[in-house]
Amino acid sequence: MSIPVFILVDGDPHGIEIMLKYRYGSVNTAHVSHELAVPNARWIGIYPSEMKEFDVQTQELTAKELSLLKRLINGPYAANSAILKELKIMLESRRKAGIEALMMTPVFLSEVYLPFKFCTNEFK
């Protein structure tokens, strides 16, 4: 039986790193990553490329976040071109947004954003 797994994380380097660890495992657990990772997990967002599109409130990345972002770009997970593209967009914009940025109205996340994602099948 295959149960779909979807990951919704903050649109910042830490959120993306969390998504990548769920999807591919971590260096610390490399010896059992094949048992723990969920490579078919789909990243719902929030994507850096959507921040302008959905007009969400963003913040500037800190120096620490920029450093992590560069490590992610140069790391083994960046082989996925769609994810690499999003990482590069974030690096270029130097902006981040949390999931709460999608709470422009009390129902935007649940009645607009997530249905849009599932209807368009737009996952990375």
PDB file of N, CA and C in Angstrom:
ATOM      1  N   MET A   1       0.845  -1.176   0.000  1.00  0.00           N
ATOM      2  CA  MET A   1       0.000   0.000   0.000  1.00  0.00           C
ATOM      3  C   MET A   1       0.890   1.239   0.000  1.00  0.00           C
ATOM      4  N   SER A   2       0.520   2.200  -0.798  1.00  0.00           N
ATOM      5  CA  SER A   2       1.287   3.435  -0.895  1.00  0.00           C
ATOM      6  C   SER A   2       0.415   4.608  -0.455  1.00  0.00           C
ATOM      7  N   ILE A   3       0.826   5.242   0.607  1.00  0.00           N
ATOM      8  CA  ILE A   3       0.096   6.400   1.124  1.00  0.00           C
ATOM      9  C   ILE A   3       0.879   7.647   0.736  1.00  0.00           C
ATOM     10  N   PRO A   4       0.245   8.590   0.050  1.00  0.00           N
ATOM     11  CA  PRO A   4       0.979   9.801  -0.338  1.00  0.00           C
ATOM     12  C   PRO A   4       1.366  10.629   0.889  1.00  0.00           C
ATOM     13  N   VAL A   5       2.552  11.184   0.822  1.00  0.00           N
ATOM     14  CA  VAL A   5       3.063  12.034   1.894  1.00  0.00           C
ATOM     15  C   VAL A   5       3.324  13.411   1.304  1.00  0.00           C
ATOM     16  N   PHE A   6       2.793  14.435   1.955  1.00  0.00           N
ATOM     17  CA  PHE A   6       2.970  15.811   1.511  1.00  0.00           C
ATOM     18  C   PHE A   6       3.635  16.594   2.629  1.00  0.00           C
ATOM     19  N   ILE A   7       4.538  17.486   2.254  1.00  0.00           N
ATOM     20  CA  ILE A   7       5.297  18.250   3.238  1.00  0.00           C
ATOM     21  C   ILE A   7       5.055  19.739   3.018  1.00  0.00           C
ATOM     22  N   LEU A   8       4.536  20.388   4.039  1.00  0.00           N
ATOM     23  CA  LEU A   8       4.321  21.835   4.027  1.00  0.00           C
ATOM     24  C   LEU A   8       5.247  22.424   5.082  1.00  0.00           C
ATOM     25  N   VAL A   9       6.208  23.221   4.633  1.00  0.00           N
ATOM     26  CA  VAL A   9       7.194  23.802   5.552  1.00  0.00           C
ATOM     27  C   VAL A   9       7.361  25.287   5.260  1.00  0.00           C
ATOM     28  N   ASP A  10       7.986  25.966   6.200  1.00  0.00           N
ATOM     29  CA  ASP A  10       8.307  27.375   5.997  1.00  0.00           C
ATOM     30  C   ASP A  10       9.162  27.530   4.747  1.00  0.00           C
ATOM     31  N   GLY A  11       8.983  28.637   4.073  1.00  0.00           N
ATOM     32  CA  GLY A  11       9.790  28.956   2.897  1.00  0.00           C
ATOM     33  C   GLY A  11      11.065  29.648   3.314  1.00  0.00           C
ATOM     34  N   ASP A  12      11.870  28.932   4.065  1.00  0.00           N
ATOM     35  CA  ASP A  12      13.175  29.427   4.486  1.00  0.00           C
ATOM     36  C   ASP A  12      14.162  28.261   4.447  1.00  0.00           C
ATOM     37  N   PRO A  13      15.446  28.528   4.565  1.00  0.00           N
ATOM     38  CA  PRO A  13      16.420  27.432   4.466  1.00  0.00           C
ATOM     39  C   PRO A  13      16.180  26.308   5.470  1.00  0.00           C
ATOM     40  N   HIS A  14      15.738  26.648   6.672  1.00  0.00           N
ATOM     41  CA  HIS A  14      15.513  25.605   7.679  1.00  0.00           C
ATOM     42  C   HIS A  14      14.325  24.723   7.305  1.00  0.00           C
ATOM     43  N   GLY A  15      13.251  25.332   6.817  1.00  0.00           N
ATOM     44  CA  GLY A  15      12.091  24.558   6.388  1.00  0.00           C
ATOM     45  C   GLY A  15      12.426  23.641   5.227  1.00  0.00           C
ATOM     46  N   ILE A  16      13.173  24.164   4.273  1.00  0.00           N
ATOM     47  CA  ILE A  16      13.557  23.355   3.117  1.00  0.00           C
ATOM     48  C   ILE A  16      14.497  22.230   3.550  1.00  0.00           C
ATOM     49  N   GLU A  17      15.380  22.522   4.481  1.00  0.00           N
ATOM     50  CA  GLU A  17      16.279  21.484   4.992  1.00  0.00           C
ATOM     51  C   GLU A  17      15.480  20.366   5.671  1.00  0.00           C
ATOM     52  N   ILE A  18      14.459  20.729   6.428  1.00  0.00           N
ATOM     53  CA  ILE A  18      13.601  19.728   7.076  1.00  0.00           C
ATOM     54  C   ILE A  18      12.931  18.855   6.021  1.00  0.00           C
ATOM     55  N   MET A  19      12.387  19.496   4.989  1.00  0.00           N
ATOM     56  CA  MET A  19      11.741  18.741   3.911  1.00  0.00           C
ATOM     57  C   MET A  19      12.732  17.772   3.274  1.00  0.00           C
ATOM     58  N   LEU A  20      13.938  18.243   3.005  1.00  0.00           N
ATOM     59  CA  LEU A  20      14.954  17.402   2.372  1.00  0.00           C
ATOM     60  C   LEU A  20      15.344  16.223   3.261  1.00  0.00           C
ATOM     61  N   LYS A  21      15.404  16.442   4.555  1.00  0.00           N
ATOM     62  CA  LYS A  21      15.758  15.350   5.472  1.00  0.00           C
ATOM     63  C   LYS A  21      14.662  14.291   5.515  1.00  0.00           C
ATOM     64  N   TYR A  22      13.414  14.719   5.496  1.00  0.00           N
ATOM     65  CA  TYR A  22      12.328  13.736   5.442  1.00  0.00           C
ATOM     66  C   TYR A  22      12.377  12.962   4.128  1.00  0.00           C
ATOM     67  N   ARG A  23      12.656  13.665   3.071  1.00  0.00           N
ATOM     68  CA  ARG A  23      12.625  13.054   1.745  1.00  0.00           C
ATOM     69  C   ARG A  23      13.823  12.137   1.484  1.00  0.00           C
ATOM     70  N   TYR A  24      15.009  12.595   1.861  1.00  0.00           N
ATOM     71  CA  TYR A  24      16.226  11.864   1.505  1.00  0.00           C
ATOM     72  C   TYR A  24      17.009  11.308   2.689  1.00  0.00           C
ATOM     73  N   GLY A  25      16.654  11.692   3.891  1.00  0.00           N
ATOM     74  CA  GLY A  25      17.423  11.283   5.058  1.00  0.00           C
ATOM     75  C   GLY A  25      18.499  12.308   5.356  1.00  0.00           C
ATOM     76  N   SER A  26      19.228  12.072   6.416  1.00  0.00           N
ATOM     77  CA  SER A  26      20.281  13.010   6.800  1.00  0.00           C
ATOM     78  C   SER A  26      21.631  12.312   6.800  1.00  0.00           C
ATOM     79  N   VAL A  27      22.663  13.103   6.825  1.00  0.00           N
ATOM     80  CA  VAL A  27      24.021  12.560   6.862  1.00  0.00           C
ATOM     81  C   VAL A  27      24.211  11.723   8.126  1.00  0.00           C
ATOM     82  N   ASN A  28      23.649  12.192   9.236  1.00  0.00           N
ATOM     83  CA  ASN A  28      23.810  11.485  10.510  1.00  0.00           C
ATOM     84  C   ASN A  28      23.148  10.110  10.517  1.00  0.00           C
ATOM     85  N   THR A  29      22.142   9.938   9.691  1.00  0.00           N
ATOM     86  CA  THR A  29      21.452   8.641   9.648  1.00  0.00           C
ATOM     87  C   THR A  29      21.634   7.956   8.292  1.00  0.00           C
ATOM     88  N   ALA A  30      22.718   8.276   7.616  1.00  0.00           N
ATOM     89  CA  ALA A  30      22.948   7.746   6.266  1.00  0.00           C
ATOM     90  C   ALA A  30      22.917   6.219   6.227  1.00  0.00           C
ATOM     91  N   HIS A  31      23.368   5.595   7.285  1.00  0.00           N
ATOM     92  CA  HIS A  31      23.414   4.131   7.307  1.00  0.00           C
ATOM     93  C   HIS A  31      22.022   3.490   7.338  1.00  0.00           C
ATOM     94  N   VAL A  32      21.003   4.257   7.695  1.00  0.00           N
ATOM     95  CA  VAL A  32      19.629   3.727   7.705  1.00  0.00           C
ATOM     96  C   VAL A  32      18.665   4.608   6.907  1.00  0.00           C
ATOM     97  N   SER A  33      19.199   5.552   6.144  1.00  0.00           N
ATOM     98  CA  SER A  33      18.345   6.470   5.386  1.00  0.00           C
ATOM     99  C   SER A  33      17.394   5.744   4.451  1.00  0.00           C
ATOM    100  N   HIS A  34      17.850   4.646   3.887  1.00  0.00           N
ATOM    101  CA  HIS A  34      16.982   3.899   2.973  1.00  0.00           C
ATOM    102  C   HIS A  34      15.736   3.374   3.690  1.00  0.00           C
ATOM    103  N   GLU A  35      15.805   3.240   5.007  1.00  0.00           N
ATOM    104  CA  GLU A  35      14.654   2.774   5.787  1.00  0.00           C
ATOM    105  C   GLU A  35      13.818   3.933   6.329  1.00  0.00           C
ATOM    106  N   LEU A  36      14.444   5.077   6.530  1.00  0.00           N
ATOM    107  CA  LEU A  36      13.756   6.201   7.160  1.00  0.00           C
ATOM    108  C   LEU A  36      13.252   7.254   6.175  1.00  0.00           C
ATOM    109  N   ALA A  37      13.927   7.401   5.068  1.00  0.00           N
ATOM    110  CA  ALA A  37      13.588   8.455   4.109  1.00  0.00           C
ATOM    111  C   ALA A  37      12.292   8.128   3.373  1.00  0.00           C
ATOM    112  N   VAL A  38      11.651   9.184   2.899  1.00  0.00           N
ATOM    113  CA  VAL A  38      10.411   9.054   2.130  1.00  0.00           C
ATOM    114  C   VAL A  38      10.637   9.772   0.792  1.00  0.00           C
ATOM    115  N   PRO A  39      11.363   9.127  -0.127  1.00  0.00           N
ATOM    116  CA  PRO A  39      11.746   9.804  -1.372  1.00  0.00           C
ATOM    117  C   PRO A  39      10.571  10.240  -2.241  1.00  0.00           C
ATOM    118  N   ASN A  40       9.422   9.629  -2.067  1.00  0.00           N
ATOM    119  CA  ASN A  40       8.249  10.028  -2.852  1.00  0.00           C
ATOM    120  C   ASN A  40       7.433  11.129  -2.185  1.00  0.00           C
ATOM    121  N   ALA A  41       7.891  11.608  -1.041  1.00  0.00           N
ATOM    122  CA  ALA A  41       7.183  12.703  -0.372  1.00  0.00           C
ATOM    123  C   ALA A  41       7.175  13.918  -1.290  1.00  0.00           C
ATOM    124  N   ARG A  42       6.070  14.591  -1.331  1.00  0.00           N
ATOM    125  CA  ARG A  42       5.915  15.747  -2.212  1.00  0.00           C
ATOM    126  C   ARG A  42       5.947  17.025  -1.386  1.00  0.00           C
ATOM    127  N   TRP A  43       6.769  17.962  -1.811  1.00  0.00           N
ATOM    128  CA  TRP A  43       6.890  19.260  -1.149  1.00  0.00           C
ATOM    129  C   TRP A  43       5.781  20.162  -1.679  1.00  0.00           C
ATOM    130  N   ILE A  44       4.885  20.567  -0.792  1.00  0.00           N
ATOM    131  CA  ILE A  44       3.763  21.425  -1.169  1.00  0.00           C
ATOM    132  C   ILE A  44       4.202  22.885  -1.255  1.00  0.00           C
ATOM    133  N   GLY A  45       5.052  23.300  -0.380  1.00  0.00           N
ATOM    134  CA  GLY A  45       5.477  24.702  -0.357  1.00  0.00           C
ATOM    135  C   GLY A  45       5.709  25.124   1.077  1.00  0.00           C
ATOM    136  N   ILE A  46       5.811  26.317   1.271  1.00  0.00           N
ATOM    137  CA  ILE A  46       5.682  27.453   0.397  1.00  0.00           C
ATOM    138  C   ILE A  46       7.002  27.615  -0.364  1.00  0.00           C
ATOM    139  N   TYR A  47       6.893  27.750  -1.670  1.00  0.00           N
ATOM    140  CA  TYR A  47       8.081  27.868  -2.511  1.00  0.00           C
ATOM    141  C   TYR A  47       8.543  29.321  -2.582  1.00  0.00           C
ATOM    142  N   PRO A  48       9.843  29.533  -2.663  1.00  0.00           N
ATOM    143  CA  PRO A  48      10.342  30.895  -2.872  1.00  0.00           C
ATOM    144  C   PRO A  48       9.741  31.555  -4.117  1.00  0.00           C
ATOM    145  N   SER A  49       9.488  30.774  -5.146  1.00  0.00           N
ATOM    146  CA  SER A  49       8.918  31.337  -6.380  1.00  0.00           C
ATOM    147  C   SER A  49       7.474  31.801  -6.197  1.00  0.00           C
ATOM    148  N   GLU A  50       6.822  31.382  -5.146  1.00  0.00           N
ATOM    149  CA  GLU A  50       5.427  31.763  -4.904  1.00  0.00           C
ATOM    150  C   GLU A  50       5.278  33.011  -4.038  1.00  0.00           C
ATOM    151  N   MET A  51       6.336  33.427  -3.425  1.00  0.00           N
ATOM    152  CA  MET A  51       6.224  34.521  -2.460  1.00  0.00           C
ATOM    153  C   MET A  51       5.687  35.794  -3.099  1.00  0.00           C
ATOM    154  N   LYS A  52       6.146  36.103  -4.298  1.00  0.00           N
ATOM    155  CA  LYS A  52       5.618  37.273  -5.009  1.00  0.00           C
ATOM    156  C   LYS A  52       4.221  36.988  -5.547  1.00  0.00           C
ATOM    157  N   GLU A  53       4.064  35.801  -6.122  1.00  0.00           N
ATOM    158  CA  GLU A  53       2.791  35.415  -6.740  1.00  0.00           C
ATOM    159  C   GLU A  53       1.621  35.533  -5.765  1.00  0.00           C
ATOM    160  N   PHE A  54       1.835  35.077  -4.534  1.00  0.00           N
ATOM    161  CA  PHE A  54       0.773  35.130  -3.530  1.00  0.00           C
ATOM    162  C   PHE A  54       0.869  36.375  -2.652  1.00  0.00           C
ATOM    163  N   ASP A  55       1.828  37.240  -2.960  1.00  0.00           N
ATOM    164  CA  ASP A  55       1.991  38.507  -2.245  1.00  0.00           C
ATOM    165  C   ASP A  55       2.062  38.304  -0.731  1.00  0.00           C
ATOM    166  N   VAL A  56       2.898  37.345  -0.328  1.00  0.00           N
ATOM    167  CA  VAL A  56       3.040  37.069   1.101  1.00  0.00           C
ATOM    168  C   VAL A  56       4.091  37.982   1.716  1.00  0.00           C
ATOM    169  N   GLN A  57       3.935  38.210   2.990  1.00  0.00           N
ATOM    170  CA  GLN A  57       4.895  39.029   3.718  1.00  0.00           C
ATOM    171  C   GLN A  57       6.184  38.226   3.878  1.00  0.00           C
ATOM    172  N   THR A  58       7.300  38.839   3.531  1.00  0.00           N
ATOM    173  CA  THR A  58       8.591  38.156   3.615  1.00  0.00           C
ATOM    174  C   THR A  58       9.528  38.910   4.551  1.00  0.00           C
ATOM    175  N   GLN A  59      10.582  38.211   4.928  1.00  0.00           N
ATOM    176  CA  GLN A  59      11.646  38.810   5.727  1.00  0.00           C
ATOM    177  C   GLN A  59      12.975  38.524   5.034  1.00  0.00           C
ATOM    178  N   GLU A  60      13.959  39.315   5.369  1.00  0.00           N
ATOM    179  CA  GLU A  60      15.290  39.110   4.802  1.00  0.00           C
ATOM    180  C   GLU A  60      15.965  37.928   5.493  1.00  0.00           C
ATOM    181  N   LEU A  61      16.692  37.147   4.715  1.00  0.00           N
ATOM    182  CA  LEU A  61      17.446  36.029   5.274  1.00  0.00           C
ATOM    183  C   LEU A  61      18.583  36.556   6.142  1.00  0.00           C
ATOM    184  N   THR A  62      18.851  35.870   7.230  1.00  0.00           N
ATOM    185  CA  THR A  62      19.985  36.227   8.081  1.00  0.00           C
ATOM    186  C   THR A  62      21.265  35.655   7.466  1.00  0.00           C
ATOM    187  N   ALA A  63      22.398  36.089   7.977  1.00  0.00           N
ATOM    188  CA  ALA A  63      23.683  35.571   7.492  1.00  0.00           C
ATOM    189  C   ALA A  63      23.764  34.061   7.714  1.00  0.00           C
ATOM    190  N   LYS A  64      23.264  33.599   8.838  1.00  0.00           N
ATOM    191  CA  LYS A  64      23.270  32.167   9.150  1.00  0.00           C
ATOM    192  C   LYS A  64      22.393  31.393   8.155  1.00  0.00           C
ATOM    193  N   GLU A  65      21.241  31.962   7.824  1.00  0.00           N
ATOM    194  CA  GLU A  65      20.343  31.316   6.863  1.00  0.00           C
ATOM    195  C   GLU A  65      20.950  31.308   5.461  1.00  0.00           C
ATOM    196  N   LEU A  66      21.628  32.384   5.098  1.00  0.00           N
ATOM    197  CA  LEU A  66      22.308  32.423   3.796  1.00  0.00           C
ATOM    198  C   LEU A  66      23.382  31.345   3.714  1.00  0.00           C
ATOM    199  N   SER A  67      24.094  31.150   4.798  1.00  0.00           N
ATOM    200  CA  SER A  67      25.129  30.120   4.844  1.00  0.00           C
ATOM    201  C   SER A  67      24.512  28.731   4.664  1.00  0.00           C
ATOM    202  N   LEU A  68      23.421  28.468   5.371  1.00  0.00           N
ATOM    203  CA  LEU A  68      22.728  27.185   5.236  1.00  0.00           C
ATOM    204  C   LEU A  68      22.201  27.017   3.812  1.00  0.00           C
ATOM    205  N   LEU A  69      21.639  28.059   3.261  1.00  0.00           N
ATOM    206  CA  LEU A  69      21.108  28.011   1.900  1.00  0.00           C
ATOM    207  C   LEU A  69      22.203  27.638   0.900  1.00  0.00           C
ATOM    208  N   LYS A  70      23.361  28.226   1.043  1.00  0.00           N
ATOM    209  CA  LYS A  70      24.480  27.907   0.142  1.00  0.00           C
ATOM    210  C   LYS A  70      24.917  26.455   0.306  1.00  0.00           C
ATOM    211  N   ARG A  71      24.896  25.952   1.546  1.00  0.00           N
ATOM    212  CA  ARG A  71      25.235  24.539   1.771  1.00  0.00           C
ATOM    213  C   ARG A  71      24.206  23.626   1.103  1.00  0.00           C
ATOM    214  N   LEU A  72      22.939  24.008   1.181  1.00  0.00           N
ATOM    215  CA  LEU A  72      21.893  23.200   0.535  1.00  0.00           C
ATOM    216  C   LEU A  72      22.071  23.198  -0.983  1.00  0.00           C
ATOM    217  N   ILE A  73      22.384  24.355  -1.538  1.00  0.00           N
ATOM    218  CA  ILE A  73      22.577  24.465  -2.990  1.00  0.00           C
ATOM    219  C   ILE A  73      23.737  23.585  -3.447  1.00  0.00           C
ATOM    220  N   ASN A  74      24.777  23.525  -2.655  1.00  0.00           N
ATOM    221  CA  ASN A  74      25.963  22.749  -3.027  1.00  0.00           C
ATOM    222  C   ASN A  74      25.936  21.316  -2.502  1.00  0.00           C
ATOM    223  N   GLY A  75      24.874  20.966  -1.806  1.00  0.00           N
ATOM    224  CA  GLY A  75      24.788  19.640  -1.203  1.00  0.00           C
ATOM    225  C   GLY A  75      24.226  18.594  -2.142  1.00  0.00           C
ATOM    226  N   PRO A  76      24.175  17.371  -1.666  1.00  0.00           N
ATOM    227  CA  PRO A  76      23.732  16.254  -2.506  1.00  0.00           C
ATOM    228  C   PRO A  76      22.250  16.305  -2.870  1.00  0.00           C
ATOM    229  N   TYR A  77      21.453  17.002  -2.073  1.00  0.00           N
ATOM    230  CA  TYR A  77      20.014  17.046  -2.329  1.00  0.00           C
ATOM    231  C   TYR A  77      19.666  17.920  -3.524  1.00  0.00           C
ATOM    232  N   ALA A  78      20.572  18.777  -3.906  1.00  0.00           N
ATOM    233  CA  ALA A  78      20.294  19.737  -4.970  1.00  0.00           C
ATOM    234  C   ALA A  78      20.266  19.088  -6.352  1.00  0.00           C
ATOM    235  N   ALA A  79      20.406  17.781  -6.407  1.00  0.00           N
ATOM    236  CA  ALA A  79      20.332  17.089  -7.696  1.00  0.00           C
ATOM    237  C   ALA A  79      18.937  17.222  -8.307  1.00  0.00           C
ATOM    238  N   ASN A  80      17.936  17.439  -7.466  1.00  0.00           N
ATOM    239  CA  ASN A  80      16.574  17.649  -7.955  1.00  0.00           C
ATOM    240  C   ASN A  80      16.503  19.065  -8.518  1.00  0.00           C
ATOM    241  N   SER A  81      16.326  19.174  -9.826  1.00  0.00           N
ATOM    242  CA  SER A  81      16.404  20.483 -10.478  1.00  0.00           C
ATOM    243  C   SER A  81      15.308  21.445 -10.026  1.00  0.00           C
ATOM    244  N   ALA A  82      14.109  20.939  -9.721  1.00  0.00           N
ATOM    245  CA  ALA A  82      13.026  21.819  -9.273  1.00  0.00           C
ATOM    246  C   ALA A  82      13.352  22.422  -7.906  1.00  0.00           C
ATOM    247  N   ILE A  83      13.916  21.609  -7.033  1.00  0.00           N
ATOM    248  CA  ILE A  83      14.295  22.108  -5.706  1.00  0.00           C
ATOM    249  C   ILE A  83      15.473  23.066  -5.826  1.00  0.00           C
ATOM    250  N   LEU A  84      16.445  22.715  -6.648  1.00  0.00           N
ATOM    251  CA  LEU A  84      17.605  23.589  -6.855  1.00  0.00           C
ATOM    252  C   LEU A  84      17.155  24.949  -7.387  1.00  0.00           C
ATOM    253  N   LYS A  85      16.209  24.949  -8.299  1.00  0.00           N
ATOM    254  CA  LYS A  85      15.687  26.207  -8.847  1.00  0.00           C
ATOM    255  C   LYS A  85      15.091  27.069  -7.731  1.00  0.00           C
ATOM    256  N   GLU A  86      14.331  26.449  -6.838  1.00  0.00           N
ATOM    257  CA  GLU A  86      13.729  27.198  -5.728  1.00  0.00           C
ATOM    258  C   GLU A  86      14.801  27.730  -4.782  1.00  0.00           C
ATOM    259  N   LEU A  87      15.819  26.931  -4.521  1.00  0.00           N
ATOM    260  CA  LEU A  87      16.913  27.380  -3.655  1.00  0.00           C
ATOM    261  C   LEU A  87      17.619  28.587  -4.266  1.00  0.00           C
ATOM    262  N   LYS A  88      17.828  28.550  -5.567  1.00  0.00           N
ATOM    263  CA  LYS A  88      18.501  29.668  -6.245  1.00  0.00           C
ATOM    264  C   LYS A  88      17.630  30.918  -6.262  1.00  0.00           C
ATOM    265  N   ILE A  89      16.331  30.746  -6.388  1.00  0.00           N
ATOM    266  CA  ILE A  89      15.422  31.899  -6.316  1.00  0.00           C
ATOM    267  C   ILE A  89      15.528  32.546  -4.937  1.00  0.00           C
ATOM    268  N   MET A  90      15.578  31.712  -3.905  1.00  0.00           N
ATOM    269  CA  MET A  90      15.705  32.243  -2.549  1.00  0.00           C
ATOM    270  C   MET A  90      17.037  32.967  -2.374  1.00  0.00           C
ATOM    271  N   LEU A  91      18.098  32.393  -2.913  1.00  0.00           N
ATOM    272  CA  LEU A  91      19.416  33.028  -2.799  1.00  0.00           C
ATOM    273  C   LEU A  91      19.413  34.379  -3.504  1.00  0.00           C
ATOM    274  N   GLU A  92      18.822  34.422  -4.676  1.00  0.00           N
ATOM    275  CA  GLU A  92      18.778  35.670  -5.440  1.00  0.00           C
ATOM    276  C   GLU A  92      17.941  36.739  -4.734  1.00  0.00           C
ATOM    277  N   SER A  93      16.806  36.341  -4.195  1.00  0.00           N
ATOM    278  CA  SER A  93      15.917  37.320  -3.554  1.00  0.00           C
ATOM    279  C   SER A  93      16.350  37.658  -2.130  1.00  0.00           C
ATOM    280  N   ARG A  94      17.045  36.694  -1.501  1.00  0.00           N
ATOM    281  CA  ARG A  94      17.455  36.837  -0.095  1.00  0.00           C
ATOM    282  C   ARG A  94      16.260  37.069   0.824  1.00  0.00           C
ATOM    283  N   ARG A  95      15.123  36.454   0.457  1.00  0.00           N
ATOM    284  CA  ARG A  95      13.883  36.612   1.210  1.00  0.00           C
ATOM    285  C   ARG A  95      13.360  35.255   1.655  1.00  0.00           C
ATOM    286  N   LYS A  96      12.600  35.251   2.735  1.00  0.00           N
ATOM    287  CA  LYS A  96      11.986  34.041   3.273  1.00  0.00           C
ATOM    288  C   LYS A  96      10.570  34.364   3.722  1.00  0.00           C
ATOM    289  N   ALA A  97       9.775  33.315   3.885  1.00  0.00           N
ATOM    290  CA  ALA A  97       8.419  33.480   4.397  1.00  0.00           C
ATOM    291  C   ALA A  97       8.037  32.232   5.172  1.00  0.00           C
ATOM    292  N   GLY A  98       7.370  32.430   6.274  1.00  0.00           N
ATOM    293  CA  GLY A  98       6.871  31.309   7.055  1.00  0.00           C
ATOM    294  C   GLY A  98       5.493  30.897   6.566  1.00  0.00           C
ATOM    295  N   ILE A  99       5.057  29.732   6.996  1.00  0.00           N
ATOM    296  CA  ILE A  99       3.726  29.252   6.625  1.00  0.00           C
ATOM    297  C   ILE A  99       2.665  30.268   7.049  1.00  0.00           C
ATOM    298  N   GLU A 100       2.898  30.912   8.174  1.00  0.00           N
ATOM    299  CA  GLU A 100       1.916  31.884   8.670  1.00  0.00           C
ATOM    300  C   GLU A 100       1.706  33.038   7.693  1.00  0.00           C
ATOM    301  N   ALA A 101       2.642  33.246   6.780  1.00  0.00           N
ATOM    302  CA  ALA A 101       2.468  34.294   5.765  1.00  0.00           C
ATOM    303  C   ALA A 101       1.302  33.964   4.835  1.00  0.00           C
ATOM    304  N   LEU A 102       0.920  32.686   4.797  1.00  0.00           N
ATOM    305  CA  LEU A 102      -0.222  32.271   3.974  1.00  0.00           C
ATOM    306  C   LEU A 102      -1.551  32.469   4.701  1.00  0.00           C
ATOM    307  N   MET A 103      -1.505  33.019   5.881  1.00  0.00           N
ATOM    308  CA  MET A 103      -2.721  33.262   6.654  1.00  0.00           C
ATOM    309  C   MET A 103      -3.205  34.696   6.445  1.00  0.00           C
ATOM    310  N   MET A 104      -3.209  35.118   5.196  1.00  0.00           N
ATOM    311  CA  MET A 104      -3.641  36.481   4.873  1.00  0.00           C
ATOM    312  C   MET A 104      -5.089  36.693   5.285  1.00  0.00           C
ATOM    313  N   THR A 105      -5.857  35.625   5.193  1.00  0.00           N
ATOM    314  CA  THR A 105      -7.212  35.590   5.739  1.00  0.00           C
ATOM    315  C   THR A 105      -7.288  34.294   6.537  1.00  0.00           C
ATOM    316  N   PRO A 106      -8.255  34.161   7.414  1.00  0.00           N
ATOM    317  CA  PRO A 106      -8.322  32.941   8.231  1.00  0.00           C
ATOM    318  C   PRO A 106      -8.427  31.644   7.425  1.00  0.00           C
ATOM    319  N   VAL A 107      -8.905  31.726   6.186  1.00  0.00           N
ATOM    320  CA  VAL A 107      -9.117  30.497   5.414  1.00  0.00           C
ATOM    321  C   VAL A 107      -8.246  30.400   4.159  1.00  0.00           C
ATOM    322  N   PHE A 108      -7.332  31.336   3.951  1.00  0.00           N
ATOM    323  CA  PHE A 108      -6.542  31.323   2.716  1.00  0.00           C
ATOM    324  C   PHE A 108      -5.769  30.017   2.545  1.00  0.00           C
ATOM    325  N   LEU A 109      -5.102  29.574   3.591  1.00  0.00           N
ATOM    326  CA  LEU A 109      -4.308  28.347   3.501  1.00  0.00           C
ATOM    327  C   LEU A 109      -5.193  27.146   3.186  1.00  0.00           C
ATOM    328  N   SER A 110      -6.274  26.996   3.923  1.00  0.00           N
ATOM    329  CA  SER A 110      -7.112  25.800   3.779  1.00  0.00           C
ATOM    330  C   SER A 110      -8.081  25.847   2.602  1.00  0.00           C
ATOM    331  N   GLU A 111      -8.501  27.028   2.201  1.00  0.00           N
ATOM    332  CA  GLU A 111      -9.515  27.106   1.148  1.00  0.00           C
ATOM    333  C   GLU A 111      -8.998  27.637  -0.188  1.00  0.00           C
ATOM    334  N   VAL A 112      -7.785  28.170  -0.196  1.00  0.00           N
ATOM    335  CA  VAL A 112      -7.232  28.690  -1.452  1.00  0.00           C
ATOM    336  C   VAL A 112      -5.913  27.985  -1.794  1.00  0.00           C
ATOM    337  N   TYR A 113      -4.915  28.141  -0.932  1.00  0.00           N
ATOM    338  CA  TYR A 113      -3.574  27.649  -1.247  1.00  0.00           C
ATOM    339  C   TYR A 113      -3.527  26.127  -1.413  1.00  0.00           C
ATOM    340  N   LEU A 114      -3.957  25.398  -0.399  1.00  0.00           N
ATOM    341  CA  LEU A 114      -3.880  23.932  -0.482  1.00  0.00           C
ATOM    342  C   LEU A 114      -4.775  23.363  -1.584  1.00  0.00           C
ATOM    343  N   PRO A 115      -6.021  23.819  -1.733  1.00  0.00           N
ATOM    344  CA  PRO A 115      -6.815  23.318  -2.867  1.00  0.00           C
ATOM    345  C   PRO A 115      -6.163  23.620  -4.218  1.00  0.00           C
ATOM    346  N   PHE A 116      -5.556  24.805  -4.348  1.00  0.00           N
ATOM    347  CA  PHE A 116      -4.843  25.142  -5.583  1.00  0.00           C
ATOM    348  C   PHE A 116      -3.738  24.122  -5.848  1.00  0.00           C
ATOM    349  N   LYS A 117      -2.977  23.796  -4.813  1.00  0.00           N
ATOM    350  CA  LYS A 117      -1.879  22.839  -4.963  1.00  0.00           C
ATOM    351  C   LYS A 117      -2.394  21.472  -5.408  1.00  0.00           C
ATOM    352  N   PHE A 118      -3.437  20.999  -4.752  1.00  0.00           N
ATOM    353  CA  PHE A 118      -3.940  19.667  -5.075  1.00  0.00           C
ATOM    354  C   PHE A 118      -4.662  19.634  -6.424  1.00  0.00           C
ATOM    355  N   CYS A 119      -5.329  20.705  -6.787  1.00  0.00           N
ATOM    356  CA  CYS A 119      -6.016  20.744  -8.091  1.00  0.00           C
ATOM    357  C   CYS A 119      -5.026  20.824  -9.249  1.00  0.00           C
ATOM    358  N   THR A 120      -3.941  21.549  -9.051  1.00  0.00           N
ATOM    359  CA  THR A 120      -2.954  21.702 -10.122  1.00  0.00           C
ATOM    360  C   THR A 120      -1.868  20.634 -10.059  1.00  0.00           C
ATOM    361  N   ASN A 121      -1.870  19.865  -8.968  1.00  0.00           N
ATOM    362  CA  ASN A 121      -0.844  18.836  -8.760  1.00  0.00           C
ATOM    363  C   ASN A 121       0.552  19.453  -8.823  1.00  0.00           C
ATOM    364  N   GLU A 122       0.661  20.647  -8.276  1.00  0.00           N
ATOM    365  CA  GLU A 122       1.923  21.383  -8.319  1.00  0.00           C
ATOM    366  C   GLU A 122       2.742  21.114  -7.059  1.00  0.00           C
ATOM    367  N   PHE A 123       3.553  20.092  -7.143  1.00  0.00           N
ATOM    368  CA  PHE A 123       4.429  19.723  -6.036  1.00  0.00           C
ATOM    369  C   PHE A 123       5.837  19.554  -6.577  1.00  0.00           C
ATOM    370  N   LYS A 124       6.794  19.751  -5.721  1.00  0.00           N
ATOM    371  CA  LYS A 124       8.192  19.582  -6.127  1.00  0.00           C
ATOM    372  C   LYS A 124       8.759  18.382  -5.409  1.00  0.00           C
TER     373      LYS A 124
END
